[in-house]
Amino acid sequence: MTEFTLSDLERIVATRATAAPEDSWTAKLVAAGQHKAAKKLGEEAVETVIAALSDDRKNLVDESADLLYHLMVVLNIAAVPLQDVMSELARRTGQSGLQEKANRQNP
């Protein structure tokens, strides 16, 4: 089995976003707009936290997949390429998390 990446997911979301809303959940979310997609992302984030706190590994994996998928939809609607997020993560790894957080609080 080949490795599945977030870039693969980004491409799938982009392709499905152009389908007819009655044929694709992704297209339906995109057609509903950022407010609906962001709300769904928030719901999935809460479900992921609940799964983590319940020590249910399978549910945590499932909810994490839902969370990543819905994040890709929100990024797609906002026209934010995954590479922009990855570049920001790469920039942040050049310093400690504590230093990075302090820099955000004191621009």
C-alpha atoms as a PDB file:
ATOM      1  CA  MET A   1       0.000   0.000   0.000  1.00  0.00           C
ATOM      2  CA  THR A   2       1.363   3.413  -0.944  1.00  0.00           C
ATOM      3  CA  GLU A   3       1.605   6.166   1.622  1.00  0.00           C
ATOM      4  CA  PHE A   4      -1.379   8.524   1.758  1.00  0.00           C
ATOM      5  CA  THR A   5      -0.443  12.109   2.516  1.00  0.00           C
ATOM      6  CA  LEU A   6      -2.210  15.325   3.421  1.00  0.00           C
ATOM      7  CA  SER A   7      -1.255  16.536  -0.051  1.00  0.00           C
ATOM      8  CA  ASP A   8      -3.220  13.597  -1.484  1.00  0.00           C
ATOM      9  CA  LEU A   9      -6.180  14.592   0.661  1.00  0.00           C
ATOM     10  CA  GLU A  10      -5.858  18.202  -0.464  1.00  0.00           C
ATOM     11  CA  ARG A  11      -5.996  17.104  -4.131  1.00  0.00           C
ATOM     12  CA  ILE A  12      -9.018  14.865  -3.521  1.00  0.00           C
ATOM     13  CA  VAL A  13     -10.870  17.656  -1.720  1.00  0.00           C
ATOM     14  CA  ALA A  14     -10.076  20.088  -4.553  1.00  0.00           C
ATOM     15  CA  THR A  15     -11.391  17.644  -7.153  1.00  0.00           C
ATOM     16  CA  ARG A  16     -14.522  16.742  -5.225  1.00  0.00           C
ATOM     17  CA  ALA A  17     -15.238  20.393  -4.453  1.00  0.00           C
ATOM     18  CA  THR A  18     -16.035  20.900  -8.135  1.00  0.00           C
ATOM     19  CA  ALA A  19     -18.585  18.068  -8.290  1.00  0.00           C
ATOM     20  CA  ALA A  20     -22.326  18.572  -8.088  1.00  0.00           C
ATOM     21  CA  PRO A  21     -23.418  19.045  -4.455  1.00  0.00           C
ATOM     22  CA  GLU A  22     -25.929  16.210  -4.767  1.00  0.00           C
ATOM     23  CA  ASP A  23     -23.085  13.860  -5.747  1.00  0.00           C
ATOM     24  CA  SER A  24     -20.412  14.770  -3.176  1.00  0.00           C
ATOM     25  CA  TRP A  25     -20.342  15.630   0.520  1.00  0.00           C
ATOM     26  CA  THR A  26     -17.287  17.790  -0.165  1.00  0.00           C
ATOM     27  CA  ALA A  27     -19.112  19.720  -2.896  1.00  0.00           C
ATOM     28  CA  LYS A  28     -22.122  20.088  -0.612  1.00  0.00           C
ATOM     29  CA  LEU A  29     -19.941  21.588   2.151  1.00  0.00           C
ATOM     30  CA  VAL A  30     -18.198  23.914  -0.290  1.00  0.00           C
ATOM     31  CA  ALA A  31     -21.533  25.046  -1.733  1.00  0.00           C
ATOM     32  CA  ALA A  32     -22.836  25.749   1.786  1.00  0.00           C
ATOM     33  CA  GLY A  33     -19.913  28.116   2.343  1.00  0.00           C
ATOM     34  CA  GLN A  34     -17.183  28.745   4.853  1.00  0.00           C
ATOM     35  CA  HIS A  35     -19.524  29.294   7.796  1.00  0.00           C
ATOM     36  CA  LYS A  36     -20.997  25.779   7.473  1.00  0.00           C
ATOM     37  CA  ALA A  37     -17.622  24.164   6.748  1.00  0.00           C
ATOM     38  CA  ALA A  38     -15.937  25.915   9.686  1.00  0.00           C
ATOM     39  CA  LYS A  39     -18.791  24.924  11.991  1.00  0.00           C
ATOM     40  CA  LYS A  40     -18.367  21.296  10.910  1.00  0.00           C
ATOM     41  CA  LEU A  41     -14.600  21.589  11.497  1.00  0.00           C
ATOM     42  CA  GLY A  42     -15.296  22.813  15.027  1.00  0.00           C
ATOM     43  CA  GLU A  43     -17.671  19.927  15.690  1.00  0.00           C
ATOM     44  CA  GLU A  44     -15.041  17.451  14.515  1.00  0.00           C
ATOM     45  CA  ALA A  45     -12.411  19.122  16.715  1.00  0.00           C
ATOM     46  CA  VAL A  46     -14.652  18.685  19.767  1.00  0.00           C
ATOM     47  CA  GLU A  47     -15.349  15.058  18.848  1.00  0.00           C
ATOM     48  CA  THR A  48     -11.601  14.468  18.502  1.00  0.00           C
ATOM     49  CA  VAL A  49     -10.970  15.919  21.962  1.00  0.00           C
ATOM     50  CA  ILE A  50     -13.720  13.739  23.446  1.00  0.00           C
ATOM     51  CA  ALA A  51     -12.229  10.669  21.781  1.00  0.00           C
ATOM     52  CA  ALA A  52      -8.780  11.535  23.136  1.00  0.00           C
ATOM     53  CA  LEU A  53     -10.124  11.948  26.660  1.00  0.00           C
ATOM     54  CA  SER A  54     -12.042   8.682  26.513  1.00  0.00           C
ATOM     55  CA  ASP A  55      -8.906   6.643  25.750  1.00  0.00           C
ATOM     56  CA  ASP A  56     -10.706   5.115  22.753  1.00  0.00           C
ATOM     57  CA  ARG A  57      -7.884   4.684  20.244  1.00  0.00           C
ATOM     58  CA  LYS A  58     -10.097   3.588  17.324  1.00  0.00           C
ATOM     59  CA  ASN A  59     -12.504   6.487  17.821  1.00  0.00           C
ATOM     60  CA  LEU A  60      -9.564   8.890  18.149  1.00  0.00           C
ATOM     61  CA  VAL A  61      -8.189   7.684  14.815  1.00  0.00           C
ATOM     62  CA  ASP A  62     -11.617   7.999  13.163  1.00  0.00           C
ATOM     63  CA  GLU A  63     -12.310  11.463  14.561  1.00  0.00           C
ATOM     64  CA  SER A  64      -8.800  12.649  13.688  1.00  0.00           C
ATOM     65  CA  ALA A  65      -9.389  11.594  10.078  1.00  0.00           C
ATOM     66  CA  ASP A  66     -12.668  13.535  10.078  1.00  0.00           C
ATOM     67  CA  LEU A  67     -10.893  16.547  11.567  1.00  0.00           C
ATOM     68  CA  LEU A  68      -8.129  16.554   8.955  1.00  0.00           C
ATOM     69  CA  TYR A  69     -10.646  16.128   6.135  1.00  0.00           C
ATOM     70  CA  HIS A  70     -12.775  19.033   7.328  1.00  0.00           C
ATOM     71  CA  LEU A  71      -9.659  21.185   7.790  1.00  0.00           C
ATOM     72  CA  MET A  72      -8.763  20.526   4.148  1.00  0.00           C
ATOM     73  CA  VAL A  73     -12.270  21.614   3.114  1.00  0.00           C
ATOM     74  CA  VAL A  74     -11.996  24.847   5.116  1.00  0.00           C
ATOM     75  CA  LEU A  75      -8.566  25.560   3.626  1.00  0.00           C
ATOM     76  CA  ASN A  76      -9.916  24.836   0.136  1.00  0.00           C
ATOM     77  CA  ILE A  77     -12.801  27.265   0.539  1.00  0.00           C
ATOM     78  CA  ALA A  78     -10.405  29.934   1.808  1.00  0.00           C
ATOM     79  CA  ALA A  79      -7.997  29.236  -1.095  1.00  0.00           C
ATOM     80  CA  VAL A  80      -5.203  28.550   1.385  1.00  0.00           C
ATOM     81  CA  PRO A  81      -2.825  25.928  -0.013  1.00  0.00           C
ATOM     82  CA  LEU A  82      -1.682  23.223   2.394  1.00  0.00           C
ATOM     83  CA  GLN A  83       1.876  24.236   1.517  1.00  0.00           C
ATOM     84  CA  ASP A  84       1.292  27.605   3.199  1.00  0.00           C
ATOM     85  CA  VAL A  85       0.389  25.800   6.430  1.00  0.00           C
ATOM     86  CA  MET A  86       3.348  23.442   6.080  1.00  0.00           C
ATOM     87  CA  SER A  87       5.697  26.382   5.452  1.00  0.00           C
ATOM     88  CA  GLU A  88       4.451  28.048   8.620  1.00  0.00           C
ATOM     89  CA  LEU A  89       5.038  24.837  10.565  1.00  0.00           C
ATOM     90  CA  ALA A  90       8.532  24.581   9.101  1.00  0.00           C
ATOM     91  CA  ARG A  91       9.251  28.177  10.098  1.00  0.00           C
ATOM     92  CA  ARG A  92       8.112  27.476  13.643  1.00  0.00           C
ATOM     93  CA  THR A  93      10.311  24.405  14.044  1.00  0.00           C
ATOM     94  CA  GLY A  94      13.361  26.663  13.874  1.00  0.00           C
ATOM     95  CA  GLN A  95      12.657  27.759  17.446  1.00  0.00           C
ATOM     96  CA  SER A  96      11.271  26.250  20.597  1.00  0.00           C
ATOM     97  CA  GLY A  97       7.501  26.157  21.001  1.00  0.00           C
ATOM     98  CA  LEU A  98       7.782  28.410  24.036  1.00  0.00           C
ATOM     99  CA  GLN A  99       9.818  30.987  22.117  1.00  0.00           C
ATOM    100  CA  GLU A 100       7.443  30.836  19.137  1.00  0.00           C
ATOM    101  CA  LYS A 101       4.442  31.438  21.403  1.00  0.00           C
ATOM    102  CA  ALA A 102       6.187  34.341  23.142  1.00  0.00           C
ATOM    103  CA  ASN A 103       6.973  35.909  19.761  1.00  0.00           C
ATOM    104  CA  ARG A 104       3.293  35.715  18.746  1.00  0.00           C
ATOM    105  CA  GLN A 105       2.251  37.486  21.947  1.00  0.00           C
ATOM    106  CA  ASN A 106       4.855  40.242  21.561  1.00  0.00           C
ATOM    107  CA  PRO A 107       5.052  41.226  17.875  1.00  0.00           C
END
